[in-house]
């Protein structure tokens, strides 16, 4: 466990035309304290679009189970080293529910 992570929760906003989730500043709008996590990269995929290169990185983060981490859903986001990851999946590690694994993806441009 050598990475520090925080979770972000989006707020619903109505702009008069539609409801949308608005994400705040990771430095100010994180929910809960920074937590220690184990990060395991899954893959790097590069995509070429309109002459630009964008990379998606996928990683798994394992954190200790707590009231905070158990309340996280795929609607939330995870921040690690300044990179904001979308949460694609959450599962218990082992059967003892001591650890939670978050499968995440981030677009790097």
PDB file of N, CA and C in Angstrom:
ATOM      1  N   UNK A   1       0.862  -1.179   0.000  1.00  0.00           N
ATOM      2  CA  UNK A   1       0.000   0.000   0.000  1.00  0.00           C
ATOM      3  C   UNK A   1       0.904   1.235   0.000  1.00  0.00           C
ATOM      4  N   UNK A   2       1.124   1.760  -1.186  1.00  0.00           N
ATOM      5  CA  UNK A   2       2.008   2.915  -1.236  1.00  0.00           C
ATOM      6  C   UNK A   2       1.406   4.127  -1.939  1.00  0.00           C
ATOM      7  N   UNK A   3       0.161   4.046  -2.330  1.00  0.00           N
ATOM      8  CA  UNK A   3      -0.487   5.175  -2.993  1.00  0.00           C
ATOM      9  C   UNK A   3      -1.545   5.769  -2.079  1.00  0.00           C
ATOM     10  N   UNK A   4      -1.704   7.087  -2.169  1.00  0.00           N
ATOM     11  CA  UNK A   4      -2.739   7.783  -1.408  1.00  0.00           C
ATOM     12  C   UNK A   4      -3.856   8.139  -2.380  1.00  0.00           C
ATOM     13  N   UNK A   5      -5.086   7.783  -2.028  1.00  0.00           N
ATOM     14  CA  UNK A   5      -6.232   8.038  -2.895  1.00  0.00           C
ATOM     15  C   UNK A   5      -7.316   8.783  -2.117  1.00  0.00           C
ATOM     16  N   UNK A   6      -8.170   9.478  -2.867  1.00  0.00           N
ATOM     17  CA  UNK A   6      -9.360  10.091  -2.311  1.00  0.00           C
ATOM     18  C   UNK A   6     -10.503   9.843  -3.270  1.00  0.00           C
ATOM     19  N   UNK A   7     -11.700   9.942  -2.762  1.00  0.00           N
ATOM     20  CA  UNK A   7     -12.888   9.736  -3.579  1.00  0.00           C
ATOM     21  C   UNK A   7     -13.619  11.057  -3.761  1.00  0.00           C
ATOM     22  N   UNK A   8     -14.226  11.219  -4.940  1.00  0.00           N
ATOM     23  CA  UNK A   8     -15.029  12.398  -5.260  1.00  0.00           C
ATOM     24  C   UNK A   8     -16.463  11.969  -5.488  1.00  0.00           C
ATOM     25  N   UNK A   9     -17.391  12.766  -5.025  1.00  0.00           N
ATOM     26  CA  UNK A   9     -18.805  12.507  -5.276  1.00  0.00           C
ATOM     27  C   UNK A   9     -19.364  13.686  -6.061  1.00  0.00           C
ATOM     28  N   UNK A  10     -19.924  13.406  -7.204  1.00  0.00           N
ATOM     29  CA  UNK A  10     -20.500  14.450  -8.047  1.00  0.00           C
ATOM     30  C   UNK A  10     -21.800  14.971  -7.457  1.00  0.00           C
ATOM     31  N   UNK A  11     -22.107  16.206  -7.784  1.00  0.00           N
ATOM     32  CA  UNK A  11     -23.349  16.840  -7.328  1.00  0.00           C
ATOM     33  C   UNK A  11     -24.275  17.025  -8.528  1.00  0.00           C
ATOM     34  N   UNK A  12     -25.554  16.725  -8.359  1.00  0.00           N
ATOM     35  CA  UNK A  12     -26.526  16.930  -9.427  1.00  0.00           C
ATOM     36  C   UNK A  12     -26.756  18.432  -9.616  1.00  0.00           C
ATOM     37  N   UNK A  13     -26.771  18.852 -10.875  1.00  0.00           N
ATOM     38  CA  UNK A  13     -26.980  20.249 -11.203  1.00  0.00           C
ATOM     39  C   UNK A  13     -28.013  20.342 -12.324  1.00  0.00           C
ATOM     40  N   UNK A  14     -28.891  21.305 -12.210  1.00  0.00           N
ATOM     41  CA  UNK A  14     -29.914  21.538 -13.234  1.00  0.00           C
ATOM     42  C   UNK A  14     -29.577  22.849 -13.925  1.00  0.00           C
ATOM     43  N   UNK A  15     -29.215  22.772 -15.217  1.00  0.00           N
ATOM     44  CA  UNK A  15     -28.857  23.983 -15.957  1.00  0.00           C
ATOM     45  C   UNK A  15     -30.047  24.580 -16.709  1.00  0.00           C
ATOM     46  N   UNK A  16     -31.237  24.106 -16.417  1.00  0.00           N
ATOM     47  CA  UNK A  16     -32.430  24.601 -17.076  1.00  0.00           C
ATOM     48  C   UNK A  16     -32.854  23.740 -18.257  1.00  0.00           C
ATOM     49  N   UNK A  17     -31.916  22.984 -18.808  1.00  0.00           N
ATOM     50  CA  UNK A  17     -32.217  22.097 -19.926  1.00  0.00           C
ATOM     51  C   UNK A  17     -32.157  20.630 -19.522  1.00  0.00           C
ATOM     52  N   UNK A  18     -31.262  20.333 -18.627  1.00  0.00           N
ATOM     53  CA  UNK A  18     -31.099  18.932 -18.213  1.00  0.00           C
ATOM     54  C   UNK A  18     -30.422  18.859 -16.849  1.00  0.00           C
ATOM     55  N   UNK A  19     -30.574  17.706 -16.206  1.00  0.00           N
ATOM     56  CA  UNK A  19     -29.845  17.436 -14.981  1.00  0.00           C
ATOM     57  C   UNK A  19     -28.552  16.742 -15.352  1.00  0.00           C
ATOM     58  N   UNK A  20     -27.476  17.140 -14.726  1.00  0.00           N
ATOM     59  CA  UNK A  20     -26.172  16.541 -15.011  1.00  0.00           C
ATOM     60  C   UNK A  20     -25.358  16.498 -13.735  1.00  0.00           C
ATOM     61  N   UNK A  21     -24.433  15.569 -13.686  1.00  0.00           N
ATOM     62  CA  UNK A  21     -23.528  15.485 -12.550  1.00  0.00           C
ATOM     63  C   UNK A  21     -22.378  16.452 -12.786  1.00  0.00           C
ATOM     64  N   UNK A  22     -22.112  17.291 -11.798  1.00  0.00           N
ATOM     65  CA  UNK A  22     -21.031  18.257 -11.865  1.00  0.00           C
ATOM     66  C   UNK A  22     -19.953  17.817 -10.883  1.00  0.00           C
ATOM     67  N   UNK A  23     -18.717  17.780 -11.383  1.00  0.00           N
ATOM     68  CA  UNK A  23     -17.587  17.368 -10.542  1.00  0.00           C
ATOM     69  C   UNK A  23     -16.844  18.601 -10.090  1.00  0.00           C
ATOM     70  N   UNK A  24     -16.543  18.637  -8.819  1.00  0.00           N
ATOM     71  CA  UNK A  24     -15.817  19.767  -8.271  1.00  0.00           C
ATOM     72  C   UNK A  24     -14.312  19.588  -8.400  1.00  0.00           C
ATOM     73  N   UNK A  25     -13.614  20.436  -7.735  1.00  0.00           N
ATOM     74  CA  UNK A  25     -12.161  20.423  -7.720  1.00  0.00           C
ATOM     75  C   UNK A  25     -11.679  19.311  -6.794  1.00  0.00           C
ATOM     76  N   UNK A  26     -10.858  18.378  -7.297  1.00  0.00           N
ATOM     77  CA  UNK A  26     -10.387  17.280  -6.442  1.00  0.00           C
ATOM     78  C   UNK A  26      -9.692  17.754  -5.176  1.00  0.00           C
ATOM     79  N   UNK A  27      -9.044  18.907  -5.237  1.00  0.00           N
ATOM     80  CA  UNK A  27      -8.334  19.403  -4.054  1.00  0.00           C
ATOM     81  C   UNK A  27      -9.291  19.850  -2.948  1.00  0.00           C
ATOM     82  N   UNK A  28     -10.508  20.267  -3.330  1.00  0.00           N
ATOM     83  CA  UNK A  28     -11.432  20.816  -2.342  1.00  0.00           C
ATOM     84  C   UNK A  28     -12.684  19.988  -2.097  1.00  0.00           C
ATOM     85  N   UNK A  29     -13.063  19.142  -3.046  1.00  0.00           N
ATOM     86  CA  UNK A  29     -14.356  18.469  -2.960  1.00  0.00           C
ATOM     87  C   UNK A  29     -14.273  16.965  -2.727  1.00  0.00           C
ATOM     88  N   UNK A  30     -13.165  16.501  -2.219  1.00  0.00           N
ATOM     89  CA  UNK A  30     -13.042  15.074  -1.942  1.00  0.00           C
ATOM     90  C   UNK A  30     -13.908  14.714  -0.740  1.00  0.00           C
ATOM     91  N   UNK A  31     -14.443  13.476  -0.768  1.00  0.00           N
ATOM     92  CA  UNK A  31     -15.202  13.011   0.395  1.00  0.00           C
ATOM     93  C   UNK A  31     -14.265  12.148   1.224  1.00  0.00           C
ATOM     94  N   UNK A  32     -14.146  12.464   2.466  1.00  0.00           N
ATOM     95  CA  UNK A  32     -13.293  11.694   3.358  1.00  0.00           C
ATOM     96  C   UNK A  32     -11.819  12.022   3.198  1.00  0.00           C
ATOM     97  N   UNK A  33     -11.005  11.433   4.057  1.00  0.00           N
ATOM     98  CA  UNK A  33      -9.560  11.691   4.042  1.00  0.00           C
ATOM     99  C   UNK A  33      -8.862  10.885   2.946  1.00  0.00           C
ATOM    100  N   UNK A  34      -7.582  11.174   2.751  1.00  0.00           N
ATOM    101  CA  UNK A  34      -6.784  10.358   1.844  1.00  0.00           C
ATOM    102  C   UNK A  34      -6.562   9.001   2.499  1.00  0.00           C
ATOM    103  N   UNK A  35      -6.637   7.954   1.675  1.00  0.00           N
ATOM    104  CA  UNK A  35      -6.497   6.585   2.164  1.00  0.00           C
ATOM    105  C   UNK A  35      -5.323   5.912   1.462  1.00  0.00           C
ATOM    106  N   UNK A  36      -4.707   4.962   2.143  1.00  0.00           N
ATOM    107  CA  UNK A  36      -3.658   4.168   1.517  1.00  0.00           C
ATOM    108  C   UNK A  36      -4.307   3.126   0.622  1.00  0.00           C
ATOM    109  N   UNK A  37      -3.681   2.895  -0.539  1.00  0.00           N
ATOM    110  CA  UNK A  37      -4.219   1.931  -1.488  1.00  0.00           C
ATOM    111  C   UNK A  37      -3.083   1.228  -2.221  1.00  0.00           C
ATOM    112  N   UNK A  38      -3.372   0.024  -2.653  1.00  0.00           N
ATOM    113  CA  UNK A  38      -2.468  -0.705  -3.535  1.00  0.00           C
ATOM    114  C   UNK A  38      -2.979  -0.503  -4.953  1.00  0.00           C
ATOM    115  N   UNK A  39      -2.109  -0.039  -5.852  1.00  0.00           N
ATOM    116  CA  UNK A  39      -2.493   0.216  -7.249  1.00  0.00           C
ATOM    117  C   UNK A  39      -1.843  -0.831  -8.136  1.00  0.00           C
ATOM    118  N   UNK A  40      -2.673  -1.467  -8.978  1.00  0.00           N
ATOM    119  CA  UNK A  40      -2.184  -2.446  -9.944  1.00  0.00           C
ATOM    120  C   UNK A  40      -2.638  -2.021 -11.332  1.00  0.00           C
ATOM    121  N   UNK A  41      -1.704  -1.645 -12.214  1.00  0.00           N
ATOM    122  CA  UNK A  41      -2.099  -1.286 -13.579  1.00  0.00           C
ATOM    123  C   UNK A  41      -2.650  -2.508 -14.307  1.00  0.00           C
ATOM    124  N   UNK A  42      -3.675  -2.301 -15.126  1.00  0.00           N
ATOM    125  CA  UNK A  42      -4.251  -3.403 -15.897  1.00  0.00           C
ATOM    126  C   UNK A  42      -3.763  -3.347 -17.330  1.00  0.00           C
ATOM    127  N   UNK A  43      -3.930  -2.188 -17.978  1.00  0.00           N
ATOM    128  CA  UNK A  43      -3.484  -2.081 -19.367  1.00  0.00           C
ATOM    129  C   UNK A  43      -3.417  -0.619 -19.772  1.00  0.00           C
ATOM    130  N   UNK A  44      -2.690  -0.375 -20.831  1.00  0.00           N
ATOM    131  CA  UNK A  44      -2.672   0.944 -21.460  1.00  0.00           C
ATOM    132  C   UNK A  44      -3.185   0.771 -22.874  1.00  0.00           C
ATOM    133  N   UNK A  45      -4.064   1.629 -23.287  1.00  0.00           N
ATOM    134  CA  UNK A  45      -4.591   1.541 -24.650  1.00  0.00           C
ATOM    135  C   UNK A  45      -4.516   2.917 -25.281  1.00  0.00           C
ATOM    136  N   UNK A  46      -3.910   2.991 -26.435  1.00  0.00           N
ATOM    137  CA  UNK A  46      -3.839   4.265 -27.139  1.00  0.00           C
ATOM    138  C   UNK A  46      -4.866   4.277 -28.261  1.00  0.00           C
ATOM    139  N   UNK A  47      -5.501   5.416 -28.405  1.00  0.00           N
ATOM    140  CA  UNK A  47      -6.498   5.571 -29.462  1.00  0.00           C
ATOM    141  C   UNK A  47      -6.135   6.799 -30.274  1.00  0.00           C
ATOM    142  N   UNK A  48      -6.249   6.655 -31.573  1.00  0.00           N
ATOM    143  CA  UNK A  48      -5.987   7.774 -32.473  1.00  0.00           C
ATOM    144  C   UNK A  48      -7.326   8.309 -32.966  1.00  0.00           C
ATOM    145  N   UNK A  49      -7.573   9.591 -32.721  1.00  0.00           N
ATOM    146  CA  UNK A  49      -8.798  10.227 -33.185  1.00  0.00           C
ATOM    147  C   UNK A  49      -8.460  11.623 -33.664  1.00  0.00           C
ATOM    148  N   UNK A  50      -8.885  11.920 -34.836  1.00  0.00           N
ATOM    149  CA  UNK A  50      -8.716  13.262 -35.410  1.00  0.00           C
ATOM    150  C   UNK A  50      -7.280  13.746 -35.307  1.00  0.00           C
ATOM    151  N   UNK A  51      -6.340  12.840 -35.514  1.00  0.00           N
ATOM    152  CA  UNK A  51      -4.936  13.207 -35.497  1.00  0.00           C
ATOM    153  C   UNK A  51      -4.365  13.419 -34.113  1.00  0.00           C
ATOM    154  N   UNK A  52      -5.124  13.111 -33.070  1.00  0.00           N
ATOM    155  CA  UNK A  52      -4.629  13.277 -31.711  1.00  0.00           C
ATOM    156  C   UNK A  52      -4.490  11.916 -31.050  1.00  0.00           C
ATOM    157  N   UNK A  53      -3.568  11.829 -30.130  1.00  0.00           N
ATOM    158  CA  UNK A  53      -3.383  10.598 -29.372  1.00  0.00           C
ATOM    159  C   UNK A  53      -3.978  10.797 -27.984  1.00  0.00           C
ATOM    160  N   UNK A  54      -4.820   9.889 -27.582  1.00  0.00           N
ATOM    161  CA  UNK A  54      -5.296   9.901 -26.204  1.00  0.00           C
ATOM    162  C   UNK A  54      -5.085   8.506 -25.645  1.00  0.00           C
ATOM    163  N   UNK A  55      -4.711   8.444 -24.403  1.00  0.00           N
ATOM    164  CA  UNK A  55      -4.455   7.155 -23.777  1.00  0.00           C
ATOM    165  C   UNK A  55      -5.435   6.943 -22.640  1.00  0.00           C
ATOM    166  N   UNK A  56      -5.954   5.738 -22.554  1.00  0.00           N
ATOM    167  CA  UNK A  56      -6.776   5.341 -21.419  1.00  0.00           C
ATOM    168  C   UNK A  56      -5.941   4.420 -20.554  1.00  0.00           C
ATOM    169  N   UNK A  57      -5.911   4.712 -19.276  1.00  0.00           N
ATOM    170  CA  UNK A  57      -5.224   3.810 -18.367  1.00  0.00           C
ATOM    171  C   UNK A  57      -6.253   3.168 -17.458  1.00  0.00           C
ATOM    172  N   UNK A  58      -6.086   1.897 -17.238  1.00  0.00           N
ATOM    173  CA  UNK A  58      -6.992   1.136 -16.391  1.00  0.00           C
ATOM    174  C   UNK A  58      -6.173   0.571 -15.241  1.00  0.00           C
ATOM    175  N   UNK A  59      -6.707   0.688 -14.035  1.00  0.00           N
ATOM    176  CA  UNK A  59      -5.991   0.200 -12.864  1.00  0.00           C
ATOM    177  C   UNK A  59      -6.979  -0.313 -11.828  1.00  0.00           C
ATOM    178  N   UNK A  60      -6.471  -1.173 -10.976  1.00  0.00           N
ATOM    179  CA  UNK A  60      -7.245  -1.637  -9.822  1.00  0.00           C
ATOM    180  C   UNK A  60      -6.608  -1.066  -8.566  1.00  0.00           C
ATOM    181  N   UNK A  61      -7.472  -0.564  -7.687  1.00  0.00           N
ATOM    182  CA  UNK A  61      -7.022  -0.040  -6.404  1.00  0.00           C
ATOM    183  C   UNK A  61      -7.671  -0.871  -5.307  1.00  0.00           C
ATOM    184  N   UNK A  62      -6.879  -1.340  -4.373  1.00  0.00           N
ATOM    185  CA  UNK A  62      -7.386  -2.096  -3.229  1.00  0.00           C
ATOM    186  C   UNK A  62      -7.215  -1.225  -1.991  1.00  0.00           C
ATOM    187  N   UNK A  63      -8.327  -1.013  -1.284  1.00  0.00           N
ATOM    188  CA  UNK A  63      -8.323  -0.211  -0.061  1.00  0.00           C
ATOM    189  C   UNK A  63      -8.969  -1.009   1.068  1.00  0.00           C
ATOM    190  N   UNK A  64      -8.657  -0.606   2.286  1.00  0.00           N
ATOM    191  CA  UNK A  64      -9.226  -1.248   3.457  1.00  0.00           C
ATOM    192  C   UNK A  64     -10.716  -0.923   3.538  1.00  0.00           C
ATOM    193  N   UNK A  65     -11.538  -1.908   3.868  1.00  0.00           N
ATOM    194  CA  UNK A  65     -12.974  -1.716   3.996  1.00  0.00           C
ATOM    195  C   UNK A  65     -13.246  -0.791   5.173  1.00  0.00           C
ATOM    196  N   UNK A  66     -14.132   0.191   4.970  1.00  0.00           N
ATOM    197  CA  UNK A  66     -14.561   1.092   6.042  1.00  0.00           C
ATOM    198  C   UNK A  66     -15.963   1.587   5.688  1.00  0.00           C
ATOM    199  N   UNK A  67     -16.562   2.333   6.586  1.00  0.00           N
ATOM    200  CA  UNK A  67     -17.885   2.899   6.290  1.00  0.00           C
ATOM    201  C   UNK A  67     -17.800   3.801   5.060  1.00  0.00           C
ATOM    202  N   UNK A  68     -16.724   4.560   4.927  1.00  0.00           N
ATOM    203  CA  UNK A  68     -16.558   5.439   3.766  1.00  0.00           C
ATOM    204  C   UNK A  68     -16.394   4.632   2.487  1.00  0.00           C
ATOM    205  N   UNK A  69     -15.444   3.701   2.463  1.00  0.00           N
ATOM    206  CA  UNK A  69     -15.179   2.969   1.223  1.00  0.00           C
ATOM    207  C   UNK A  69     -16.351   2.089   0.812  1.00  0.00           C
ATOM    208  N   UNK A  70     -17.107   1.597   1.777  1.00  0.00           N
ATOM    209  CA  UNK A  70     -18.258   0.763   1.429  1.00  0.00           C
ATOM    210  C   UNK A  70     -19.428   1.588   0.888  1.00  0.00           C
ATOM    211  N   UNK A  71     -19.388   2.911   1.072  1.00  0.00           N
ATOM    212  CA  UNK A  71     -20.456   3.773   0.550  1.00  0.00           C
ATOM    213  C   UNK A  71     -20.161   4.266  -0.871  1.00  0.00           C
ATOM    214  N   UNK A  72     -18.982   3.980  -1.387  1.00  0.00           N
ATOM    215  CA  UNK A  72     -18.596   4.421  -2.731  1.00  0.00           C
ATOM    216  C   UNK A  72     -19.342   3.593  -3.768  1.00  0.00           C
ATOM    217  N   UNK A  73     -19.791   4.271  -4.839  1.00  0.00           N
ATOM    218  CA  UNK A  73     -20.494   3.604  -5.938  1.00  0.00           C
ATOM    219  C   UNK A  73     -19.788   3.960  -7.252  1.00  0.00           C
ATOM    220  N   UNK A  74     -20.148   3.291  -8.342  1.00  0.00           N
ATOM    221  CA  UNK A  74     -19.571   3.662  -9.638  1.00  0.00           C
ATOM    222  C   UNK A  74     -19.930   5.087 -10.096  1.00  0.00           C
ATOM    223  N   UNK A  75     -20.848   5.749  -9.427  1.00  0.00           N
ATOM    224  CA  UNK A  75     -21.155   7.141  -9.743  1.00  0.00           C
ATOM    225  C   UNK A  75     -20.096   8.086  -9.186  1.00  0.00           C
ATOM    226  N   UNK A  76     -19.257   7.590  -8.280  1.00  0.00           N
ATOM    227  CA  UNK A  76     -18.205   8.390  -7.671  1.00  0.00           C
ATOM    228  C   UNK A  76     -16.927   8.271  -8.515  1.00  0.00           C
ATOM    229  N   UNK A  77     -15.908   9.004  -8.130  1.00  0.00           N
ATOM    230  CA  UNK A  77     -14.612   8.944  -8.804  1.00  0.00           C
ATOM    231  C   UNK A  77     -13.514   8.773  -7.774  1.00  0.00           C
ATOM    232  N   UNK A  78     -12.373   8.305  -8.248  1.00  0.00           N
ATOM    233  CA  UNK A  78     -11.204   8.088  -7.401  1.00  0.00           C
ATOM    234  C   UNK A  78     -10.074   8.951  -7.934  1.00  0.00           C
ATOM    235  N   UNK A  79      -9.331   9.606  -7.032  1.00  0.00           N
ATOM    236  CA  UNK A  79      -8.205  10.446  -7.424  1.00  0.00           C
ATOM    237  C   UNK A  79      -6.929   9.861  -6.823  1.00  0.00           C
ATOM    238  N   UNK A  80      -5.901   9.686  -7.689  1.00  0.00           N
ATOM    239  CA  UNK A  80      -4.602   9.195  -7.235  1.00  0.00           C
ATOM    240  C   UNK A  80      -3.514   9.966  -7.975  1.00  0.00           C
ATOM    241  N   UNK A  81      -2.629  10.586  -7.239  1.00  0.00           N
ATOM    242  CA  UNK A  81      -1.514  11.349  -7.820  1.00  0.00           C
ATOM    243  C   UNK A  81      -1.985  12.366  -8.844  1.00  0.00           C
ATOM    244  N   UNK A  82      -3.111  13.013  -8.590  1.00  0.00           N
ATOM    245  CA  UNK A  82      -3.621  14.037  -9.474  1.00  0.00           C
ATOM    246  C   UNK A  82      -4.423  13.535 -10.663  1.00  0.00           C
ATOM    247  N   UNK A  83      -4.478  12.222 -10.862  1.00  0.00           N
ATOM    248  CA  UNK A  83      -5.256  11.640 -11.950  1.00  0.00           C
ATOM    249  C   UNK A  83      -6.624  11.249 -11.422  1.00  0.00           C
ATOM    250  N   UNK A  84      -7.673  11.660 -12.147  1.00  0.00           N
ATOM    251  CA  UNK A  84      -9.045  11.348 -11.751  1.00  0.00           C
ATOM    252  C   UNK A  84      -9.509  10.130 -12.545  1.00  0.00           C
ATOM    253  N   UNK A  85      -9.909   9.089 -11.835  1.00  0.00           N
ATOM    254  CA  UNK A  85     -10.346   7.828 -12.432  1.00  0.00           C
ATOM    255  C   UNK A  85     -11.854   7.666 -12.292  1.00  0.00           C
ATOM    256  N   UNK A  86     -12.499   7.194 -13.353  1.00  0.00           N
ATOM    257  CA  UNK A  86     -13.886   6.755 -13.266  1.00  0.00           C
ATOM    258  C   UNK A  86     -13.889   5.362 -12.653  1.00  0.00           C
ATOM    259  N   UNK A  87     -14.862   5.084 -11.804  1.00  0.00           N
ATOM    260  CA  UNK A  87     -14.970   3.761 -11.172  1.00  0.00           C
ATOM    261  C   UNK A  87     -15.875   2.898 -12.029  1.00  0.00           C
ATOM    262  N   UNK A  88     -15.320   1.788 -12.519  1.00  0.00           N
ATOM    263  CA  UNK A  88     -16.076   0.885 -13.388  1.00  0.00           C
ATOM    264  C   UNK A  88     -16.633  -0.309 -12.640  1.00  0.00           C
ATOM    265  N   UNK A  89     -16.015  -0.687 -11.529  1.00  0.00           N
ATOM    266  CA  UNK A  89     -16.489  -1.837 -10.775  1.00  0.00           C
ATOM    267  C   UNK A  89     -15.933  -1.841  -9.366  1.00  0.00           C
ATOM    268  N   UNK A  90     -16.684  -2.464  -8.461  1.00  0.00           N
ATOM    269  CA  UNK A  90     -16.289  -2.561  -7.053  1.00  0.00           C
ATOM    270  C   UNK A  90     -16.586  -3.977  -6.594  1.00  0.00           C
ATOM    271  N   UNK A  91     -15.636  -4.599  -5.908  1.00  0.00           N
ATOM    272  CA  UNK A  91     -15.897  -5.936  -5.379  1.00  0.00           C
ATOM    273  C   UNK A  91     -15.094  -6.169  -4.112  1.00  0.00           C
ATOM    274  N   UNK A  92     -15.582  -7.108  -3.309  1.00  0.00           N
ATOM    275  CA  UNK A  92     -14.858  -7.523  -2.116  1.00  0.00           C
ATOM    276  C   UNK A  92     -13.665  -8.364  -2.531  1.00  0.00           C
ATOM    277  N   UNK A  93     -12.577  -8.214  -1.797  1.00  0.00           N
ATOM    278  CA  UNK A  93     -11.411  -9.057  -2.006  1.00  0.00           C
ATOM    279  C   UNK A  93     -11.473 -10.122  -0.917  1.00  0.00           C
ATOM    280  N   UNK A  94     -11.500 -11.377  -1.343  1.00  0.00           N
ATOM    281  CA  UNK A  94     -11.648 -12.492  -0.409  1.00  0.00           C
ATOM    282  C   UNK A  94     -13.084 -12.498   0.130  1.00  0.00           C
ATOM    283  N   UNK A  95     -13.351 -13.361   1.061  1.00  0.00           N
ATOM    284  CA  UNK A  95     -14.690 -13.468   1.625  1.00  0.00           C
ATOM    285  C   UNK A  95     -14.843 -12.736   2.955  1.00  0.00           C
ATOM    286  N   UNK A  96     -13.742 -12.218   3.497  1.00  0.00           N
ATOM    287  CA  UNK A  96     -13.818 -11.626   4.833  1.00  0.00           C
ATOM    288  C   UNK A  96     -14.237 -10.153   4.836  1.00  0.00           C
ATOM    289  N   UNK A  97     -14.416  -9.551   3.632  1.00  0.00           N
ATOM    290  CA  UNK A  97     -14.833  -8.156   3.503  1.00  0.00           C
ATOM    291  C   UNK A  97     -13.897  -7.195   4.224  1.00  0.00           C
ATOM    292  N   UNK A  98     -12.610  -7.522   4.268  1.00  0.00           N
ATOM    293  CA  UNK A  98     -11.638  -6.618   4.866  1.00  0.00           C
ATOM    294  C   UNK A  98     -11.110  -5.606   3.863  1.00  0.00           C
ATOM    295  N   UNK A  99     -11.163  -5.959   2.583  1.00  0.00           N
ATOM    296  CA  UNK A  99     -10.616  -5.121   1.525  1.00  0.00           C
ATOM    297  C   UNK A  99     -11.638  -4.958   0.414  1.00  0.00           C
ATOM    298  N   UNK A 100     -11.614  -3.798  -0.263  1.00  0.00           N
ATOM    299  CA  UNK A 100     -12.443  -3.554  -1.432  1.00  0.00           C
ATOM    300  C   UNK A 100     -11.532  -3.255  -2.616  1.00  0.00           C
ATOM    301  N   UNK A 101     -11.911  -3.774  -3.772  1.00  0.00           N
ATOM    302  CA  UNK A 101     -11.149  -3.536  -4.992  1.00  0.00           C
ATOM    303  C   UNK A 101     -11.980  -2.682  -5.940  1.00  0.00           C
ATOM    304  N   UNK A 102     -11.386  -1.578  -6.396  1.00  0.00           N
ATOM    305  CA  UNK A 102     -12.029  -0.677  -7.333  1.00  0.00           C
ATOM    306  C   UNK A 102     -11.328  -0.803  -8.678  1.00  0.00           C
ATOM    307  N   UNK A 103     -12.084  -1.178  -9.708  1.00  0.00           N
ATOM    308  CA  UNK A 103     -11.549  -1.193 -11.061  1.00  0.00           C
ATOM    309  C   UNK A 103     -11.869   0.160 -11.669  1.00  0.00           C
ATOM    310  N   UNK A 104     -10.838   0.829 -12.175  1.00  0.00           N
ATOM    311  CA  UNK A 104     -10.986   2.215 -12.613  1.00  0.00           C
ATOM    312  C   UNK A 104     -10.385   2.440 -13.994  1.00  0.00           C
ATOM    313  N   UNK A 105     -10.777   3.551 -14.587  1.00  0.00           N
ATOM    314  CA  UNK A 105     -10.232   3.950 -15.888  1.00  0.00           C
ATOM    315  C   UNK A 105     -10.096   5.457 -15.916  1.00  0.00           C
ATOM    316  N   UNK A 106      -9.004   5.929 -16.512  1.00  0.00           N
ATOM    317  CA  UNK A 106      -8.783   7.377 -16.648  1.00  0.00           C
ATOM    318  C   UNK A 106      -8.319   7.676 -18.053  1.00  0.00           C
ATOM    319  N   UNK A 107      -8.758   8.782 -18.571  1.00  0.00           N
ATOM    320  CA  UNK A 107      -8.324   9.222 -19.900  1.00  0.00           C
ATOM    321  C   UNK A 107      -7.190  10.212 -19.714  1.00  0.00           C
ATOM    322  N   UNK A 108      -6.094   9.918 -20.344  1.00  0.00           N
ATOM    323  CA  UNK A 108      -4.915  10.780 -20.283  1.00  0.00           C
ATOM    324  C   UNK A 108      -4.724  11.372 -21.678  1.00  0.00           C
ATOM    325  N   UNK A 109      -4.670  12.672 -21.767  1.00  0.00           N
ATOM    326  CA  UNK A 109      -4.482  13.281 -23.095  1.00  0.00           C
ATOM    327  C   UNK A 109      -3.241  14.128 -23.126  1.00  0.00           C
TER     328      UNK A 109
END
